[in-house]
mmCIF file of all heavy atoms, coordinates in Angstrom:
data_MODEL
# 
_entry.id   MODEL 
# 
loop_
_atom_site.group_PDB 
_atom_site.id 
_atom_site.type_symbol 
_atom_site.label_atom_id 
_atom_site.label_alt_id 
_atom_site.label_comp_id 
_atom_site.label_asym_id 
_atom_site.label_entity_id 
_atom_site.label_seq_id 
_atom_site.pdbx_PDB_ins_code 
_atom_site.Cartn_x 
_atom_site.Cartn_y 
_atom_site.Cartn_z 
_atom_site.occupancy 
_atom_site.B_iso_or_equiv 
_atom_site.pdbx_formal_charge 
_atom_site.auth_seq_id 
_atom_site.auth_comp_id 
_atom_site.auth_asym_id 
_atom_site.auth_atom_id 
_atom_site.pdbx_PDB_model_num 
ATOM 1   N N   . ASP A 1 1  ? 19.847 -28.474 -10.770 1.00 0.00 ? 1  ASP A N   1 
ATOM 2   C CA  . ASP A 1 1  ? 20.345 -27.117 -10.562 1.00 0.00 ? 1  ASP A CA  1 
ATOM 3   C C   . ASP A 1 1  ? 20.824 -26.891 -9.130  1.00 0.00 ? 1  ASP A C   1 
ATOM 4   O O   . ASP A 1 1  ? 21.095 -25.761 -8.733  1.00 0.00 ? 1  ASP A O   1 
ATOM 5   C CB  . ASP A 1 1  ? 19.256 -26.092 -10.911 1.00 0.00 ? 1  ASP A CB  1 
ATOM 6   C CG  . ASP A 1 1  ? 19.046 -25.967 -12.408 1.00 0.00 ? 1  ASP A CG  1 
ATOM 7   O OD1 . ASP A 1 1  ? 20.047 -25.792 -13.112 1.00 0.00 ? 1  ASP A OD1 1 
ATOM 8   O OD2 . ASP A 1 1  ? 17.889 -26.071 -12.868 1.00 0.00 ? 1  ASP A OD2 1 
ATOM 9   N N   . GLN A 1 2  ? 20.918 -27.970 -8.376  1.00 0.00 ? 2  GLN A N   1 
ATOM 10  C CA  . GLN A 1 2  ? 21.435 -27.900 -7.009  1.00 0.00 ? 2  GLN A CA  1 
ATOM 11  C C   . GLN A 1 2  ? 22.814 -28.540 -6.948  1.00 0.00 ? 2  GLN A C   1 
ATOM 12  O O   . GLN A 1 2  ? 23.133 -29.441 -7.720  1.00 0.00 ? 2  GLN A O   1 
ATOM 13  C CB  . GLN A 1 2  ? 20.491 -28.622 -6.045  1.00 0.00 ? 2  GLN A CB  1 
ATOM 14  C CG  . GLN A 1 2  ? 19.072 -28.083 -6.021  1.00 0.00 ? 2  GLN A CG  1 
ATOM 15  C CD  . GLN A 1 2  ? 18.141 -28.966 -5.205  1.00 0.00 ? 2  GLN A CD  1 
ATOM 16  O OE1 . GLN A 1 2  ? 18.543 -29.605 -4.235  1.00 0.00 ? 2  GLN A OE1 1 
ATOM 17  N NE2 . GLN A 1 2  ? 16.873 -29.008 -5.600  1.00 0.00 ? 2  GLN A NE2 1 
ATOM 18  N N   . SER A 1 3  ? 23.623 -28.064 -6.019  1.00 0.00 ? 3  SER A N   1 
ATOM 19  C CA  . SER A 1 3  ? 24.908 -28.695 -5.759  1.00 0.00 ? 3  SER A CA  1 
ATOM 20  C C   . SER A 1 3  ? 24.688 -29.902 -4.851  1.00 0.00 ? 3  SER A C   1 
ATOM 21  O O   . SER A 1 3  ? 23.800 -29.867 -3.985  1.00 0.00 ? 3  SER A O   1 
ATOM 22  C CB  . SER A 1 3  ? 25.856 -27.706 -5.085  1.00 0.00 ? 3  SER A CB  1 
ATOM 23  O OG  . SER A 1 3  ? 26.972 -28.377 -4.525  1.00 0.00 ? 3  SER A OG  1 
ATOM 24  N N   . PRO A 1 4  ? 25.457 -30.974 -5.020  1.00 0.00 ? 4  PRO A N   1 
ATOM 25  C CA  . PRO A 1 4  ? 25.327 -32.122 -4.117  1.00 0.00 ? 4  PRO A CA  1 
ATOM 26  C C   . PRO A 1 4  ? 25.535 -31.748 -2.651  1.00 0.00 ? 4  PRO A C   1 
ATOM 27  O O   . PRO A 1 4  ? 25.093 -32.471 -1.760  1.00 0.00 ? 4  PRO A O   1 
ATOM 28  C CB  . PRO A 1 4  ? 26.433 -33.070 -4.604  1.00 0.00 ? 4  PRO A CB  1 
ATOM 29  C CG  . PRO A 1 4  ? 26.650 -32.704 -6.032  1.00 0.00 ? 4  PRO A CG  1 
ATOM 30  C CD  . PRO A 1 4  ? 26.436 -31.222 -6.091  1.00 0.00 ? 4  PRO A CD  1 
ATOM 31  N N   . ARG A 1 5  ? 26.190 -30.629 -2.396  1.00 0.00 ? 5  ARG A N   1 
ATOM 32  C CA  . ARG A 1 5  ? 26.449 -30.191 -1.025  1.00 0.00 ? 5  ARG A CA  1 
ATOM 33  C C   . ARG A 1 5  ? 25.291 -29.375 -0.444  1.00 0.00 ? 5  ARG A C   1 
ATOM 34  O O   . ARG A 1 5  ? 25.273 -29.100 0.753   1.00 0.00 ? 5  ARG A O   1 
ATOM 35  C CB  . ARG A 1 5  ? 27.730 -29.354 -0.965  1.00 0.00 ? 5  ARG A CB  1 
ATOM 36  C CG  . ARG A 1 5  ? 28.995 -30.131 -1.318  1.00 0.00 ? 5  ARG A CG  1 
ATOM 37  C CD  . ARG A 1 5  ? 30.198 -29.193 -1.391  1.00 0.00 ? 5  ARG A CD  1 
ATOM 38  N NE  . ARG A 1 5  ? 31.415 -29.919 -1.721  1.00 0.00 ? 5  ARG A NE  1 
ATOM 39  C CZ  . ARG A 1 5  ? 32.321 -30.323 -0.827  1.00 0.00 ? 5  ARG A CZ  1 
ATOM 40  N NH1 . ARG A 1 5  ? 32.127 -30.043 0.453   1.00 0.00 ? 5  ARG A NH1 1 
ATOM 41  N NH2 . ARG A 1 5  ? 33.409 -30.962 -1.193  1.00 0.00 ? 5  ARG A NH2 1 
ATOM 42  N N   . ASP A 1 6  ? 24.358 -28.963 -1.289  1.00 0.00 ? 6  ASP A N   1 
ATOM 43  C CA  . ASP A 1 6  ? 23.272 -28.091 -0.822  1.00 0.00 ? 6  ASP A CA  1 
ATOM 44  C C   . ASP A 1 6  ? 22.316 -28.840 0.107   1.00 0.00 ? 6  ASP A C   1 
ATOM 45  O O   . ASP A 1 6  ? 21.921 -29.980 -0.162  1.00 0.00 ? 6  ASP A O   1 
ATOM 46  C CB  . ASP A 1 6  ? 22.476 -27.541 -2.021  1.00 0.00 ? 6  ASP A CB  1 
ATOM 47  C CG  . ASP A 1 6  ? 23.220 -26.431 -2.748  1.00 0.00 ? 6  ASP A CG  1 
ATOM 48  O OD1 . ASP A 1 6  ? 24.101 -25.815 -2.128  1.00 0.00 ? 6  ASP A OD1 1 
ATOM 49  O OD2 . ASP A 1 6  ? 22.895 -26.184 -3.919  1.00 0.00 ? 6  ASP A OD2 1 
ATOM 50  N N   . LYS A 1 7  ? 21.947 -28.174 1.167   1.00 0.00 ? 7  LYS A N   1 
ATOM 51  C CA  . LYS A 1 7  ? 20.920 -28.671 2.089   1.00 0.00 ? 7  LYS A CA  1 
ATOM 52  C C   . LYS A 1 7  ? 20.033 -27.487 2.449   1.00 0.00 ? 7  LYS A C   1 
ATOM 53  O O   . LYS A 1 7  ? 20.534 -26.447 2.867   1.00 0.00 ? 7  LYS A O   1 
ATOM 54  C CB  . LYS A 1 7  ? 21.548 -29.287 3.349   1.00 0.00 ? 7  LYS A CB  1 
ATOM 55  C CG  . LYS A 1 7  ? 22.380 -30.532 3.084   1.00 0.00 ? 7  LYS A CG  1 
ATOM 56  C CD  . LYS A 1 7  ? 23.017 -31.044 4.371   1.00 0.00 ? 7  LYS A CD  1 
ATOM 57  C CE  . LYS A 1 7  ? 23.850 -32.300 4.105   1.00 0.00 ? 7  LYS A CE  1 
ATOM 58  N NZ  . LYS A 1 7  ? 24.982 -32.043 3.190   1.00 0.00 ? 7  LYS A NZ  1 
ATOM 59  N N   . PHE A 1 8  ? 18.724 -27.648 2.291   1.00 0.00 ? 8  PHE A N   1 
ATOM 60  C CA  . PHE A 1 8  ? 17.809 -26.522 2.471   1.00 0.00 ? 8  PHE A CA  1 
ATOM 61  C C   . PHE A 1 8  ? 16.742 -26.825 3.508   1.00 0.00 ? 8  PHE A C   1 
ATOM 62  O O   . PHE A 1 8  ? 16.329 -27.973 3.681   1.00 0.00 ? 8  PHE A O   1 
ATOM 63  C CB  . PHE A 1 8  ? 17.121 -26.169 1.143   1.00 0.00 ? 8  PHE A CB  1 
ATOM 64  C CG  . PHE A 1 8  ? 18.074 -25.868 0.019   1.00 0.00 ? 8  PHE A CG  1 
ATOM 65  C CD1 . PHE A 1 8  ? 18.225 -26.758 -1.037  1.00 0.00 ? 8  PHE A CD1 1 
ATOM 66  C CD2 . PHE A 1 8  ? 18.817 -24.700 0.009   1.00 0.00 ? 8  PHE A CD2 1 
ATOM 67  C CE1 . PHE A 1 8  ? 19.110 -26.494 -2.074  1.00 0.00 ? 8  PHE A CE1 1 
ATOM 68  C CE2 . PHE A 1 8  ? 19.702 -24.424 -1.024  1.00 0.00 ? 8  PHE A CE2 1 
ATOM 69  C CZ  . PHE A 1 8  ? 19.845 -25.328 -2.062  1.00 0.00 ? 8  PHE A CZ  1 
ATOM 70  N N   . LYS A 1 9  ? 16.289 -25.753 4.148   1.00 0.00 ? 9  LYS A N   1 
ATOM 71  C CA  . LYS A 1 9  ? 15.141 -25.814 5.053   1.00 0.00 ? 9  LYS A CA  1 
ATOM 72  C C   . LYS A 1 9  ? 14.194 -24.676 4.690   1.00 0.00 ? 9  LYS A C   1 
ATOM 73  O O   . LYS A 1 9  ? 14.630 -23.631 4.175   1.00 0.00 ? 9  LYS A O   1 
ATOM 74  C CB  . LYS A 1 9  ? 15.568 -25.661 6.517   1.00 0.00 ? 9  LYS A CB  1 
ATOM 75  C CG  . LYS A 1 9  ? 16.535 -26.729 7.017   1.00 0.00 ? 9  LYS A CG  1 
ATOM 76  C CD  . LYS A 1 9  ? 16.734 -26.650 8.520   1.00 0.00 ? 9  LYS A CD  1 
ATOM 77  C CE  . LYS A 1 9  ? 17.249 -25.292 8.970   1.00 0.00 ? 9  LYS A CE  1 
ATOM 78  N NZ  . LYS A 1 9  ? 18.616 -25.017 8.495   1.00 0.00 ? 9  LYS A NZ  1 
ATOM 79  N N   . VAL A 1 10 ? 12.908 -24.887 4.936   1.00 0.00 ? 10 VAL A N   1 
ATOM 80  C CA  . VAL A 1 10 ? 11.928 -23.836 4.687   1.00 0.00 ? 10 VAL A CA  1 
ATOM 81  C C   . VAL A 1 10 ? 12.298 -22.614 5.526   1.00 0.00 ? 10 VAL A C   1 
ATOM 82  O O   . VAL A 1 10 ? 12.579 -22.727 6.720   1.00 0.00 ? 10 VAL A O   1 
ATOM 83  C CB  . VAL A 1 10 ? 10.502 -24.317 5.033   1.00 0.00 ? 10 VAL A CB  1 
ATOM 84  C CG1 . VAL A 1 10 ? 9.508  -23.160 4.921   1.00 0.00 ? 10 VAL A CG1 1 
ATOM 85  C CG2 . VAL A 1 10 ? 10.096 -25.460 4.116   1.00 0.00 ? 10 VAL A CG2 1 
ATOM 86  N N   . GLY A 1 11 ? 12.305 -21.449 4.879   1.00 0.00 ? 11 GLY A N   1 
ATOM 87  C CA  . GLY A 1 11 ? 12.661 -20.212 5.566   1.00 0.00 ? 11 GLY A CA  1 
ATOM 88  C C   . GLY A 1 11 ? 14.095 -19.784 5.326   1.00 0.00 ? 11 GLY A C   1 
ATOM 89  O O   . GLY A 1 11 ? 14.465 -18.641 5.634   1.00 0.00 ? 11 GLY A O   1 
ATOM 90  N N   . ASP A 1 12 ? 14.926 -20.680 4.763   1.00 0.00 ? 12 ASP A N   1 
ATOM 91  C CA  . ASP A 1 12 ? 16.320 -20.328 4.472   1.00 0.00 ? 12 ASP A CA  1 
ATOM 92  C C   . ASP A 1 12 ? 16.390 -19.239 3.404   1.00 0.00 ? 12 ASP A C   1 
ATOM 93  O O   . ASP A 1 12 ? 15.638 -19.266 2.432   1.00 0.00 ? 12 ASP A O   1 
ATOM 94  C CB  . ASP A 1 12 ? 17.092 -21.552 3.964   1.00 0.00 ? 12 ASP A CB  1 
ATOM 95  C CG  . ASP A 1 12 ? 17.449 -22.528 5.062   1.00 0.00 ? 12 ASP A CG  1 
ATOM 96  O OD1 . ASP A 1 12 ? 17.262 -22.173 6.244   1.00 0.00 ? 12 ASP A OD1 1 
ATOM 97  O OD2 . ASP A 1 12 ? 17.905 -23.647 4.741   1.00 0.00 ? 12 ASP A OD2 1 
ATOM 98  N N   . LYS A 1 13 ? 17.314 -18.303 3.591   1.00 0.00 ? 13 LYS A N   1 
ATOM 99  C CA  . LYS A 1 13 ? 17.608 -17.322 2.549   1.00 0.00 ? 13 LYS A CA  1 
ATOM 100 C C   . LYS A 1 13 ? 18.831 -17.813 1.788   1.00 0.00 ? 13 LYS A C   1 
ATOM 101 O O   . LYS A 1 13 ? 19.885 -18.043 2.390   1.00 0.00 ? 13 LYS A O   1 
ATOM 102 C CB  . LYS A 1 13 ? 17.859 -15.944 3.154   1.00 0.00 ? 13 LYS A CB  1 
ATOM 103 C CG  . LYS A 1 13 ? 16.599 -15.270 3.669   1.00 0.00 ? 13 LYS A CG  1 
ATOM 104 C CD  . LYS A 1 13 ? 16.867 -13.835 4.099   1.00 0.00 ? 13 LYS A CD  1 
ATOM 105 C CE  . LYS A 1 13 ? 15.576 -13.146 4.531   1.00 0.00 ? 13 LYS A CE  1 
ATOM 106 N NZ  . LYS A 1 13 ? 15.811 -11.738 4.941   1.00 0.00 ? 13 LYS A NZ  1 
ATOM 107 N N   . ILE A 1 14 ? 18.675 -17.988 0.492   1.00 0.00 ? 14 ILE A N   1 
ATOM 108 C CA  . ILE A 1 14 ? 19.758 -18.549 -0.321  1.00 0.00 ? 14 ILE A CA  1 
ATOM 109 C C   . ILE A 1 14 ? 20.018 -17.673 -1.544  1.00 0.00 ? 14 ILE A C   1 
ATOM 110 O O   . ILE A 1 14 ? 19.146 -16.929 -1.995  1.00 0.00 ? 14 ILE A O   1 
ATOM 111 C CB  . ILE A 1 14 ? 19.438 -19.988 -0.778  1.00 0.00 ? 14 ILE A CB  1 
ATOM 112 C CG1 . ILE A 1 14 ? 18.199 -20.004 -1.681  1.00 0.00 ? 14 ILE A CG1 1 
ATOM 113 C CG2 . ILE A 1 14 ? 19.245 -20.904 0.419   1.00 0.00 ? 14 ILE A CG2 1 
ATOM 114 C CD1 . ILE A 1 14 ? 17.932 -21.356 -2.337  1.00 0.00 ? 14 ILE A CD1 1 
ATOM 115 N N   . LYS A 1 15 ? 21.232 -17.784 -2.074  1.00 0.00 ? 15 LYS A N   1 
ATOM 116 C CA  . LYS A 1 15 ? 21.582 -17.097 -3.311  1.00 0.00 ? 15 LYS A CA  1 
ATOM 117 C C   . LYS A 1 15 ? 21.378 -18.063 -4.474  1.00 0.00 ? 15 LYS A C   1 
ATOM 118 O O   . LYS A 1 15 ? 21.710 -19.247 -4.371  1.00 0.00 ? 15 LYS A O   1 
ATOM 119 C CB  . LYS A 1 15 ? 23.026 -16.614 -3.278  1.00 0.00 ? 15 LYS A CB  1 
ATOM 120 C CG  . LYS A 1 15 ? 23.308 -15.486 -2.299  1.00 0.00 ? 15 LYS A CG  1 
ATOM 121 C CD  . LYS A 1 15 ? 24.755 -15.035 -2.405  1.00 0.00 ? 15 LYS A CD  1 
ATOM 122 C CE  . LYS A 1 15 ? 25.036 -13.849 -1.487  1.00 0.00 ? 15 LYS A CE  1 
ATOM 123 N NZ  . LYS A 1 15 ? 24.918 -14.216 -0.058  1.00 0.00 ? 15 LYS A NZ  1 
ATOM 124 N N   . VAL A 1 16 ? 20.840 -17.549 -5.576  1.00 0.00 ? 16 VAL A N   1 
ATOM 125 C CA  . VAL A 1 16 ? 20.663 -18.353 -6.783  1.00 0.00 ? 16 VAL A CA  1 
ATOM 126 C C   . VAL A 1 16 ? 21.067 -17.520 -7.990  1.00 0.00 ? 16 VAL A C   1 
ATOM 127 O O   . VAL A 1 16 ? 21.041 -16.290 -7.965  1.00 0.00 ? 16 VAL A O   1 
ATOM 128 C CB  . VAL A 1 16 ? 19.203 -18.839 -6.959  1.00 0.00 ? 16 VAL A CB  1 
ATOM 129 C CG1 . VAL A 1 16 ? 18.799 -19.755 -5.821  1.00 0.00 ? 16 VAL A CG1 1 
ATOM 130 C CG2 . VAL A 1 16 ? 18.241 -17.658 -7.067  1.00 0.00 ? 16 VAL A CG2 1 
ATOM 131 N N   . TYR A 1 17 ? 21.454 -18.212 -9.041  1.00 0.00 ? 17 TYR A N   1 
ATOM 132 C CA  . TYR A 1 17 ? 21.795 -17.562 -10.307 1.00 0.00 ? 17 TYR A CA  1 
ATOM 133 C C   . TYR A 1 17 ? 20.590 -17.649 -11.239 1.00 0.00 ? 17 TYR A C   1 
ATOM 134 O O   . TYR A 1 17 ? 20.023 -18.723 -11.433 1.00 0.00 ? 17 TYR A O   1 
ATOM 135 C CB  . TYR A 1 17 ? 23.002 -18.256 -10.935 1.00 0.00 ? 17 TYR A CB  1 
ATOM 136 C CG  . TYR A 1 17 ? 23.303 -17.839 -12.357 1.00 0.00 ? 17 TYR A CG  1 
ATOM 137 C CD1 . TYR A 1 17 ? 23.741 -16.552 -12.643 1.00 0.00 ? 17 TYR A CD1 1 
ATOM 138 C CD2 . TYR A 1 17 ? 23.144 -18.730 -13.416 1.00 0.00 ? 17 TYR A CD2 1 
ATOM 139 C CE1 . TYR A 1 17 ? 24.018 -16.165 -13.944 1.00 0.00 ? 17 TYR A CE1 1 
ATOM 140 C CE2 . TYR A 1 17 ? 23.425 -18.362 -14.718 1.00 0.00 ? 17 TYR A CE2 1 
ATOM 141 C CZ  . TYR A 1 17 ? 23.860 -17.076 -14.974 1.00 0.00 ? 17 TYR A CZ  1 
ATOM 142 O OH  . TYR A 1 17 ? 24.125 -16.696 -16.269 1.00 0.00 ? 17 TYR A OH  1 
ATOM 143 N N   . VAL A 1 18 ? 20.178 -16.507 -11.797 1.00 0.00 ? 18 VAL A N   1 
ATOM 144 C CA  . VAL A 1 18 ? 19.021 -16.464 -12.691 1.00 0.00 ? 18 VAL A CA  1 
ATOM 145 C C   . VAL A 1 18 ? 19.503 -16.761 -14.116 1.00 0.00 ? 18 VAL A C   1 
ATOM 146 O O   . VAL A 1 18 ? 20.121 -15.918 -14.767 1.00 0.00 ? 18 VAL A O   1 
ATOM 147 C CB  . VAL A 1 18 ? 18.306 -15.096 -12.638 1.00 0.00 ? 18 VAL A CB  1 
ATOM 148 C CG1 . VAL A 1 18 ? 17.086 -15.102 -13.562 1.00 0.00 ? 18 VAL A CG1 1 
ATOM 149 C CG2 . VAL A 1 18 ? 17.887 -14.765 -11.213 1.00 0.00 ? 18 VAL A CG2 1 
ATOM 150 N N   . LYS A 1 19 ? 19.219 -17.972 -14.587 1.00 0.00 ? 19 LYS A N   1 
ATOM 151 C CA  . LYS A 1 19 ? 19.658 -18.374 -15.922 1.00 0.00 ? 19 LYS A CA  1 
ATOM 152 C C   . LYS A 1 19 ? 18.792 -17.759 -17.011 1.00 0.00 ? 19 LYS A C   1 
ATOM 153 O O   . LYS A 1 19 ? 19.288 -17.301 -18.041 1.00 0.00 ? 19 LYS A O   1 
ATOM 154 C CB  . LYS A 1 19 ? 19.611 -19.904 -16.049 1.00 0.00 ? 19 LYS A CB  1 
ATOM 155 C CG  . LYS A 1 19 ? 20.631 -20.629 -15.209 1.00 0.00 ? 19 LYS A CG  1 
ATOM 156 C CD  . LYS A 1 19 ? 20.844 -22.058 -15.699 1.00 0.00 ? 19 LYS A CD  1 
ATOM 157 C CE  . LYS A 1 19 ? 19.583 -22.894 -15.559 1.00 0.00 ? 19 LYS A CE  1 
ATOM 158 N NZ  . LYS A 1 19 ? 19.812 -24.316 -15.920 1.00 0.00 ? 19 LYS A NZ  1 
ATOM 159 N N   . LYS A 1 20 ? 17.475 -17.757 -16.791 1.00 0.00 ? 20 LYS A N   1 
ATOM 160 C CA  . LYS A 1 20 ? 16.557 -17.326 -17.852 1.00 0.00 ? 20 LYS A CA  1 
ATOM 161 C C   . LYS A 1 20 ? 15.232 -16.887 -17.261 1.00 0.00 ? 20 LYS A C   1 
ATOM 162 O O   . LYS A 1 20 ? 14.770 -17.434 -16.265 1.00 0.00 ? 20 LYS A O   1 
ATOM 163 C CB  . LYS A 1 20 ? 16.335 -18.489 -18.833 1.00 0.00 ? 20 LYS A CB  1 
ATOM 164 C CG  . LYS A 1 20 ? 15.587 -18.138 -20.107 1.00 0.00 ? 20 LYS A CG  1 
ATOM 165 C CD  . LYS A 1 20 ? 16.468 -17.372 -21.075 1.00 0.00 ? 20 LYS A CD  1 
ATOM 166 C CE  . LYS A 1 20 ? 15.754 -17.101 -22.398 1.00 0.00 ? 20 LYS A CE  1 
ATOM 167 N NZ  . LYS A 1 20 ? 16.572 -16.292 -23.318 1.00 0.00 ? 20 LYS A NZ  1 
ATOM 168 N N   . ILE A 1 21 ? 14.619 -15.895 -17.883 1.00 0.00 ? 21 ILE A N   1 
ATOM 169 C CA  . ILE A 1 21 ? 13.257 -15.473 -17.552 1.00 0.00 ? 21 ILE A CA  1 
ATOM 170 C C   . ILE A 1 21 ? 12.408 -15.693 -18.798 1.00 0.00 ? 21 ILE A C   1 
ATOM 171 O O   . ILE A 1 21 ? 12.681 -15.139 -19.858 1.00 0.00 ? 21 ILE A O   1 
ATOM 172 C CB  . ILE A 1 21 ? 13.184 -13.987 -17.142 1.00 0.00 ? 21 ILE A CB  1 
ATOM 173 C CG1 . ILE A 1 21 ? 14.182 -13.685 -16.012 1.00 0.00 ? 21 ILE A CG1 1 
ATOM 174 C CG2 . ILE A 1 21 ? 11.766 -13.621 -16.726 1.00 0.00 ? 21 ILE A CG2 1 
ATOM 175 C CD1 . ILE A 1 21 ? 13.856 -14.328 -14.701 1.00 0.00 ? 21 ILE A CD1 1 
ATOM 176 N N   . LYS A 1 22 ? 11.371 -16.532 -18.663 1.00 0.00 ? 22 LYS A N   1 
ATOM 177 C CA  . LYS A 1 22 ? 10.493 -16.814 -19.800 1.00 0.00 ? 22 LYS A CA  1 
ATOM 178 C C   . LYS A 1 22 ? 9.078  -16.342 -19.500 1.00 0.00 ? 22 LYS A C   1 
ATOM 179 O O   . LYS A 1 22 ? 8.574  -16.565 -18.397 1.00 0.00 ? 22 LYS A O   1 
ATOM 180 C CB  . LYS A 1 22 ? 10.457 -18.321 -20.083 1.00 0.00 ? 22 LYS A CB  1 
ATOM 181 C CG  . LYS A 1 22 ? 11.756 -18.926 -20.572 1.00 0.00 ? 22 LYS A CG  1 
ATOM 182 C CD  . LYS A 1 22 ? 11.558 -20.410 -20.840 1.00 0.00 ? 22 LYS A CD  1 
ATOM 183 C CE  . LYS A 1 22 ? 12.821 -21.065 -21.374 1.00 0.00 ? 22 LYS A CE  1 
ATOM 184 N NZ  . LYS A 1 22 ? 12.622 -22.523 -21.608 1.00 0.00 ? 22 LYS A NZ  1 
ATOM 185 N N   . PRO A 1 23 ? 8.421  -15.699 -20.467 1.00 0.00 ? 23 PRO A N   1 
ATOM 186 C CA  . PRO A 1 23 ? 7.001  -15.376 -20.263 1.00 0.00 ? 23 PRO A CA  1 
ATOM 187 C C   . PRO A 1 23 ? 6.172  -16.648 -20.314 1.00 0.00 ? 23 PRO A C   1 
ATOM 188 O O   . PRO A 1 23 ? 6.476  -17.574 -21.070 1.00 0.00 ? 23 PRO A O   1 
ATOM 189 C CB  . PRO A 1 23 ? 6.682  -14.443 -21.443 1.00 0.00 ? 23 PRO A CB  1 
ATOM 190 C CG  . PRO A 1 23 ? 7.694  -14.775 -22.493 1.00 0.00 ? 23 PRO A CG  1 
ATOM 191 C CD  . PRO A 1 23 ? 8.932  -15.223 -21.759 1.00 0.00 ? 23 PRO A CD  1 
ATOM 192 N N   . GLY A 1 24 ? 5.121  -16.718 -19.498 1.00 0.00 ? 24 GLY A N   1 
ATOM 193 C CA  . GLY A 1 24 ? 4.266  -17.900 -19.474 1.00 0.00 ? 24 GLY A CA  1 
ATOM 194 C C   . GLY A 1 24 ? 2.817  -17.530 -19.277 1.00 0.00 ? 24 GLY A C   1 
ATOM 195 O O   . GLY A 1 24 ? 2.491  -16.371 -18.973 1.00 0.00 ? 24 GLY A O   1 
ATOM 196 N N   . HIS A 1 25 ? 1.916  -18.497 -19.456 1.00 0.00 ? 25 HIS A N   1 
ATOM 197 C CA  . HIS A 1 25 ? 0.478  -18.250 -19.323 1.00 0.00 ? 25 HIS A CA  1 
ATOM 198 C C   . HIS A 1 25 ? 0.110  -17.877 -17.890 1.00 0.00 ? 25 HIS A C   1 
ATOM 199 O O   . HIS A 1 25 ? -0.819 -17.117 -17.648 1.00 0.00 ? 25 HIS A O   1 
ATOM 200 C CB  . HIS A 1 25 ? -0.322 -19.483 -19.763 1.00 0.00 ? 25 HIS A CB  1 
ATOM 201 C CG  . HIS A 1 25 ? -0.141 -19.825 -21.213 1.00 0.00 ? 25 HIS A CG  1 
ATOM 202 N ND1 . HIS A 1 25 ? -0.505 -18.958 -22.222 1.00 0.00 ? 25 HIS A ND1 1 
ATOM 203 C CD2 . HIS A 1 25 ? 0.386  -20.924 -21.825 1.00 0.00 ? 25 HIS A CD2 1 
ATOM 204 C CE1 . HIS A 1 25 ? -0.225 -19.516 -23.396 1.00 0.00 ? 25 HIS A CE1 1 
ATOM 205 N NE2 . HIS A 1 25 ? 0.320  -20.714 -23.171 1.00 0.00 ? 25 HIS A NE2 1 
ATOM 206 N N   . LYS A 1 26 ? 0.827  -18.435 -16.925 1.00 0.00 ? 26 LYS A N   1 
ATOM 207 C CA  . LYS A 1 26 ? 0.537  -18.166 -15.522 1.00 0.00 ? 26 LYS A CA  1 
ATOM 208 C C   . LYS A 1 26 ? 1.536  -17.199 -14.905 1.00 0.00 ? 26 LYS A C   1 
ATOM 209 O O   . LYS A 1 26 ? 1.758  -17.194 -13.708 1.00 0.00 ? 26 LYS A O   1 
ATOM 210 C CB  . LYS A 1 26 ? 0.532  -19.479 -14.736 1.00 0.00 ? 26 LYS A CB  1 
ATOM 211 C CG  . LYS A 1 26 ? -0.563 -20.445 -15.175 1.00 0.00 ? 26 LYS A CG  1 
ATOM 212 C CD  . LYS A 1 26 ? -0.548 -21.705 -14.329 1.00 0.00 ? 26 LYS A CD  1 
ATOM 213 C CE  . LYS A 1 26 ? -1.654 -22.654 -14.748 1.00 0.00 ? 26 LYS A CE  1 
ATOM 214 N NZ  . LYS A 1 26 ? -1.661 -23.901 -13.933 1.00 0.00 ? 26 LYS A NZ  1 
ATOM 215 N N   . GLY A 1 27 ? 2.159  -16.382 -15.751 1.00 0.00 ? 27 GLY A N   1 
ATOM 216 C CA  . GLY A 1 27 ? 3.150  -15.431 -15.278 1.00 0.00 ? 27 GLY A CA  1 
ATOM 217 C C   . GLY A 1 27 ? 4.544  -15.843 -15.716 1.00 0.00 ? 27 GLY A C   1 
ATOM 218 O O   . GLY A 1 27 ? 4.742  -16.918 -16.301 1.00 0.00 ? 27 GLY A O   1 
# 
C-alpha cells in the first residue's frame, strides 16, 4: 500500500486513503 517513491520517518505527517474500516476484537 506504499508507493515505491515513499520514504517515511517517525513523526512525519502523511496523507493516506482510507480503503476500508472493519470492526475487530481489539477495536
